[in-house]
C-alpha atoms as a PDB file:
ATOM      1  CA  MET A   1      -0.114   0.353  -0.161  1.00  0.00           C
ATOM      2  CA  LEU A   2       1.496   3.466  -0.886  1.00  0.00           C
ATOM      3  CA  GLY A   3       0.477   6.292   0.921  1.00  0.00           C
ATOM      4  CA  VAL A   4       2.234  10.671  -0.004  1.00  0.00           C
ATOM      5  CA  ILE A   5       4.035  11.708   2.622  1.00  0.00           C
ATOM      6  CA  CYS A   6       5.575  15.135   3.622  1.00  0.00           C
ATOM      7  CA  ASP A   7       9.646  15.597   4.392  1.00  0.00           C
ATOM      8  CA  GLY A   8       8.352  19.131   6.058  1.00  0.00           C
ATOM      9  CA  VAL A   9       6.086  21.389   6.601  1.00  0.00           C
ATOM     10  CA  VAL A  10       1.716  20.159   6.363  1.00  0.00           C
ATOM     11  CA  GLU A  11       0.107  23.536   5.871  1.00  0.00           C
ATOM     12  CA  GLN A  12      -3.726  22.935   5.260  1.00  0.00           C
ATOM     13  CA  THR A  13      -4.374  26.441   2.839  1.00  0.00           C
ATOM     14  CA  SER A  14      -7.994  25.495   2.935  1.00  0.00           C
ATOM     15  CA  PRO A  15     -10.827  22.594   4.347  1.00  0.00           C
ATOM     16  CA  THR A  16      -9.523  20.658   0.819  1.00  0.00           C
ATOM     17  CA  THR A  17      -6.489  22.004   0.168  1.00  0.00           C
ATOM     18  CA  LEU A  18      -2.780  20.610   2.415  1.00  0.00           C
ATOM     19  CA  GLU A  19      -0.032  22.462   0.985  1.00  0.00           C
ATOM     20  CA  CYS A  20       3.732  21.338   2.270  1.00  0.00           C
ATOM     21  CA  SER A  21       6.651  23.051   2.811  1.00  0.00           C
ATOM     22  CA  ASP A  22       9.257  20.783   1.282  1.00  0.00           C
ATOM     23  CA  ILE A  23       8.303  17.607  -1.560  1.00  0.00           C
ATOM     24  CA  TRP A  24       5.178  15.091  -1.154  1.00  0.00           C
ATOM     25  CA  VAL A  25       6.978  11.415  -1.015  1.00  0.00           C
ATOM     26  CA  MET A  26       5.292   7.947  -1.649  1.00  0.00           C
ATOM     27  CA  GLN A  27       6.383   5.642   0.206  1.00  0.00           C
ATOM     28  CA  SER A  28       4.846   1.714   1.510  1.00  0.00           C
ATOM     29  CA  ILE A  29       3.031   2.192   4.523  1.00  0.00           C
ATOM     30  CA  THR A  30       1.528  -1.077   6.286  1.00  0.00           C
ATOM     31  CA  PRO A  31      -1.867  -1.330   7.054  1.00  0.00           C
ATOM     32  CA  GLY A  32      -3.298  -1.577  11.073  1.00  0.00           C
ATOM     33  CA  PHE A  33      -4.271  -4.170  12.543  1.00  0.00           C
ATOM     34  CA  ASP A  34      -8.198  -5.520  11.611  1.00  0.00           C
ATOM     35  CA  PRO A  35      -9.971  -7.471  13.832  1.00  0.00           C
ATOM     36  CA  ALA A  36     -12.164  -8.004  10.888  1.00  0.00           C
ATOM     37  CA  SER A  37      -9.636  -9.954   8.966  1.00  0.00           C
ATOM     38  CA  LEU A  38      -9.028 -12.851  11.139  1.00  0.00           C
ATOM     39  CA  ASP A  39     -11.106 -15.983  10.224  1.00  0.00           C
ATOM     40  CA  PRO A  40     -13.425 -16.598  13.293  1.00  0.00           C
ATOM     41  CA  GLN A  41     -12.826 -21.291  12.918  1.00  0.00           C
ATOM     42  CA  LEU A  42      -8.513 -20.062  13.543  1.00  0.00           C
ATOM     43  CA  ILE A  43      -9.738 -17.473  17.132  1.00  0.00           C
ATOM     44  CA  ALA A  44     -12.256 -20.322  17.826  1.00  0.00           C
ATOM     45  CA  GLY A  45      -9.300 -22.932  18.165  1.00  0.00           C
ATOM     46  CA  ALA A  46      -6.963 -21.231  19.452  1.00  0.00           C
ATOM     47  CA  VAL A  47      -9.124 -20.003  22.748  1.00  0.00           C
ATOM     48  CA  GLY A  48     -10.411 -23.551  22.539  1.00  0.00           C
ATOM     49  CA  MET A  49      -6.179 -25.420  22.693  1.00  0.00           C
ATOM     50  CA  GLY A  50      -5.379 -22.481  25.514  1.00  0.00           C
ATOM     51  CA  PHE A  51      -7.996 -23.508  27.794  1.00  0.00           C
ATOM     52  CA  PHE A  52      -6.688 -27.345  26.712  1.00  0.00           C
ATOM     53  CA  ILE A  53      -3.321 -26.173  28.240  1.00  0.00           C
ATOM     54  CA  LEU A  54      -4.649 -25.137  31.253  1.00  0.00           C
ATOM     55  CA  LEU A  55      -7.305 -28.316  32.046  1.00  0.00           C
ATOM     56  CA  PRO A  56      -4.034 -30.584  33.285  1.00  0.00           C
ATOM     57  CA  LEU A  57      -2.749 -27.759  35.639  1.00  0.00           C
ATOM     58  CA  TRP A  58      -6.076 -27.182  36.913  1.00  0.00           C
ATOM     59  CA  ALA A  59      -6.382 -30.909  36.947  1.00  0.00           C
ATOM     60  CA  ALA A  60      -2.703 -31.182  38.829  1.00  0.00           C
ATOM     61  CA  CYS A  61      -4.018 -28.410  41.609  1.00  0.00           C
ATOM     62  CA  TYR A  62      -7.389 -29.868  42.470  1.00  0.00           C
ATOM     63  CA  GLY A  63      -5.925 -33.264  43.531  1.00  0.00           C
ATOM     64  CA  GLY A  64      -3.319 -31.869  44.957  1.00  0.00           C
ATOM     65  CA  LYS A  65      -5.707 -30.099  47.198  1.00  0.00           C
ATOM     66  CA  GLN A  66      -7.375 -33.544  47.941  1.00  0.00           C
ATOM     67  CA  LEU A  67      -5.010 -35.449  47.931  1.00  0.00           C
ATOM     68  CA  ILE A  68      -3.880 -32.333  51.142  1.00  0.00           C
ATOM     69  CA  LYS A  69      -7.213 -32.029  52.296  1.00  0.00           C
ATOM     70  CA  SER A  70      -7.353 -36.798  52.895  1.00  0.00           C
ATOM     71  CA  LEU A  71      -4.344 -36.092  54.468  1.00  0.00           C
ATOM     72  CA  ASN A  72      -4.936 -33.871  57.012  1.00  0.00           C
ATOM     73  CA  GLN A  73      -8.430 -36.049  57.579  1.00  0.00           C
ATOM     74  CA  SER A  74      -6.460 -38.946  57.778  1.00  0.00           C
ATOM     75  CA  SER A  75      -4.385 -37.522  60.862  1.00  0.00           C
ATOM     76  CA  LYS A  76      -6.975 -36.024  63.169  1.00  0.00           C
END
């Protein structure tokens, strides 16, 4: 994508006219991020994979909590 850039100072001489104190230069620019360009299936897959990765961690913490709870009850 190409854009027009002023190397100097830009002045607005009228509501529709801009003047550059130096020269106008054509330069390639990268467009900003557009969330509409994302594929909904890829987003759903990434979110699902995130929860799938957290599931073993949650299960280990829950198992450890139950183990500690049972050890505390058996020692009383």
